[in-house]
Structure formats: structure tokens, C-alpha cells
Protein backbone atom coordinates (compact mmCIF):
# COMPACT_ATOMS: atom_id res chain seq x y z
CA MET A 1 -23.38 11.30 25.79
CA SER A 2 -23.21 10.51 22.11
CA GLU A 3 -25.92 10.91 19.55
CA ALA A 4 -28.55 8.20 19.71
CA GLN A 5 -28.59 5.53 17.07
CA VAL A 6 -32.17 4.76 16.14
CA SER A 7 -33.54 1.84 14.18
CA GLU A 8 -37.17 1.02 13.55
CA GLN A 9 -38.50 -2.49 13.92
CA GLU A 10 -41.79 -3.88 12.68
CA SER A 11 -43.46 -3.50 16.06
CA GLY A 12 -41.32 -0.93 17.86
CA ILE A 13 -38.22 1.18 18.03
CA GLU A 14 -34.64 0.61 19.16
CA LEU A 15 -32.37 3.33 20.56
CA GLU A 16 -28.72 3.06 21.52
CA PHE A 17 -26.79 5.60 23.59
CA ASP A 18 -23.11 5.73 24.50
CA LEU A 19 -23.01 7.30 27.97
CA GLY A 20 -20.02 8.58 29.95
CA ASP A 21 -21.40 7.33 33.27
CA PRO A 22 -20.45 3.88 34.62
CA PRO A 23 -22.97 1.02 34.30
CA GLN A 24 -23.74 1.03 38.05
CA LYS A 25 -24.96 4.64 37.88
CA VAL A 26 -27.07 4.02 34.77
CA TRP A 27 -28.49 0.85 36.37
CA ARG A 28 -29.66 2.88 39.35
CA ALA A 29 -31.36 5.38 37.02
CA VAL A 30 -33.39 2.67 35.27
CA THR A 31 -34.27 0.58 38.33
CA ILE A 32 -34.73 2.82 41.38
CA PRO A 33 -38.32 4.15 41.18
CA GLU A 34 -37.49 7.64 42.53
CA LEU A 35 -34.79 8.09 39.86
CA ARG A 36 -36.71 6.34 37.08
CA GLU A 37 -39.74 8.56 37.77
CA ARG A 38 -37.91 11.59 36.33
CA TRP A 39 -37.97 10.21 32.79
CA LEU A 40 -40.36 7.23 32.92
CA PRO A 41 -43.40 8.31 34.99
CA LYS A 42 -45.18 5.66 37.00
CA GLU A 43 -48.43 6.64 35.24
CA SER A 44 -46.95 5.16 32.04
CA LEU A 45 -46.27 1.82 33.70
CA ALA A 46 -48.89 -0.93 33.62
CA ASP A 47 -47.14 -2.37 36.68
CA PRO A 48 -44.62 -0.46 38.85
CA ASP A 49 -42.46 -3.57 39.19
CA ALA A 50 -40.17 -4.81 36.45
CA ILE A 51 -41.42 -7.89 34.61
CA SER A 52 -37.90 -9.31 34.36
CA VAL A 53 -34.50 -8.34 35.73
CA THR A 54 -30.98 -9.54 35.04
CA PRO A 55 -29.14 -7.55 37.74
CA GLY A 56 -26.76 -4.96 36.33
CA GLU A 57 -27.51 -5.95 32.73
CA GLN A 58 -31.15 -5.84 31.69
CA VAL A 59 -34.55 -4.75 33.01
CA ARG A 60 -37.98 -4.89 31.32
CA TYR A 61 -41.13 -2.93 32.15
CA ARG A 62 -44.69 -3.21 30.85
CA LEU A 63 -46.17 0.12 29.74
CA ARG A 64 -49.77 1.12 29.01
CA ASP A 65 -50.94 4.07 26.92
CA ASP A 66 -52.93 6.64 28.86
CA THR A 67 -55.41 7.17 26.00
CA PRO A 68 -57.78 4.73 24.29
CA PRO A 69 -57.35 2.01 23.16
CA PHE A 70 -54.80 1.75 26.06
CA LEU A 71 -52.36 -0.47 24.15
CA GLU A 72 -49.64 -2.22 26.13
CA SER A 73 -45.99 -2.44 25.24
CA ILE A 74 -42.70 -3.57 26.74
CA VAL A 75 -39.59 -1.45 27.11
CA THR A 76 -36.26 -3.24 27.64
CA PHE A 77 -33.14 -1.50 28.93
CA THR A 78 -29.86 -3.34 28.29
CA LEU A 79 -26.60 -2.03 29.73
CA THR A 80 -23.11 -3.03 28.66
CA PRO A 81 -19.81 -1.42 29.68
CA ASN A 82 -18.01 0.44 26.92
CA ALA A 83 -14.26 0.77 26.35
CA ASP A 84 -14.09 4.23 28.02
CA GLY A 85 -15.53 3.06 31.36
CA GLY A 86 -18.96 4.37 30.43
CA THR A 87 -22.11 2.55 29.41
CA CYS A 88 -23.74 1.50 26.18
CA LEU A 89 -27.48 1.81 26.90
CA ARG A 90 -29.78 0.02 24.47
CA ILE A 91 -33.53 0.73 24.75
CA VAL A 92 -36.01 -1.41 22.82
CA HIS A 93 -39.67 -0.40 22.96
CA GLU A 94 -41.98 -3.02 21.44
CA LEU A 95 -45.73 -2.98 20.97
CA THR A 96 -46.91 -6.29 22.39
CA ASP A 97 -50.65 -5.82 22.81
CA ALA A 98 -52.59 -8.70 21.22
CA ARG A 99 -55.18 -6.22 19.96
CA LEU A 100 -52.50 -4.74 17.70
CA ASP A 101 -52.46 -7.96 15.66
CA GLU A 102 -56.22 -7.73 15.15
CA MET A 103 -55.94 -4.14 13.95
CA THR A 104 -53.15 -4.84 11.46
CA ARG A 105 -54.79 -7.94 9.99
CA ALA A 106 -58.24 -6.44 9.35
CA PRO A 107 -58.63 -5.22 5.77
CA ALA A 108 -59.84 -1.67 5.36
CA ASN A 109 -62.84 -2.76 3.27
CA SER A 110 -63.88 -5.78 5.32
CA ASN A 111 -67.53 -4.67 5.42
CA SER A 112 -67.51 -5.37 9.11
CA PRO A 113 -70.58 -4.16 11.01
CA LEU A 114 -68.71 -1.04 12.19
CA LEU A 115 -67.85 0.02 8.64
CA MET A 116 -71.29 -0.90 7.39
CA LEU A 117 -72.82 1.42 10.00
CA ALA A 118 -70.48 4.22 8.96
CA ALA A 119 -71.63 3.95 5.35
């Protein structure tokens, strides 16, 4: 396995790994619940079933934080074969919860009732 390439996005993070294992083996690891459970616990999933699947290429899951405010996000696994017979695994984790937009748009000094009570 090579070092991960990481890039930050506005609402998430993107990781890319170059793995020595063939795509079929990596696909099993990200889609079979018993194998996926080792590194993506079912407690983190908002729904145990994938929200979209392109067989052998891409799978998406909805996640939910286990602490308040229980924000939801989507993690997408994309697999492509590499030149060495291994797999390029791209993982994109995006915050998609609508409440996130409300939090980022509210000015810090909005004098909303909550802040007025705190004063």
C-alpha cells in the first residue's frame, strides 16, 4: 500500500490509496458487511445498506455521528484498477447534513435568542 494522498474539500475530505490487492478483493472489503465492519462499524452507518452501488466500481454509504448534533454525511468508495494489477481506492467523505448550512451561514453576532440569553 502506498502513502495516502489527502486533499481537503469545502465540505469534506478526499483520500486516495494505491493498493496491491486486485479490485475484486477491495470491492469485497467495502461491500460485504462482515468485512466492512472491521473498519467501518455498523454503528457509524445511518443505514446498513448502501445508498447507491455501481458494481465493482463505486459504493456510497450514509453515515451519522454518534454524538450531538448527530450530523449526517456520505462516504463514497471508488475503485479503479491500477497498472500493477492492484487497485486505486478513492474515498470521499462529504458532510451533507442540511443543518450544516444553517450553522455556517449564521453570523456569530446575530443576536439570536440563544446568544441573547447567554449574554
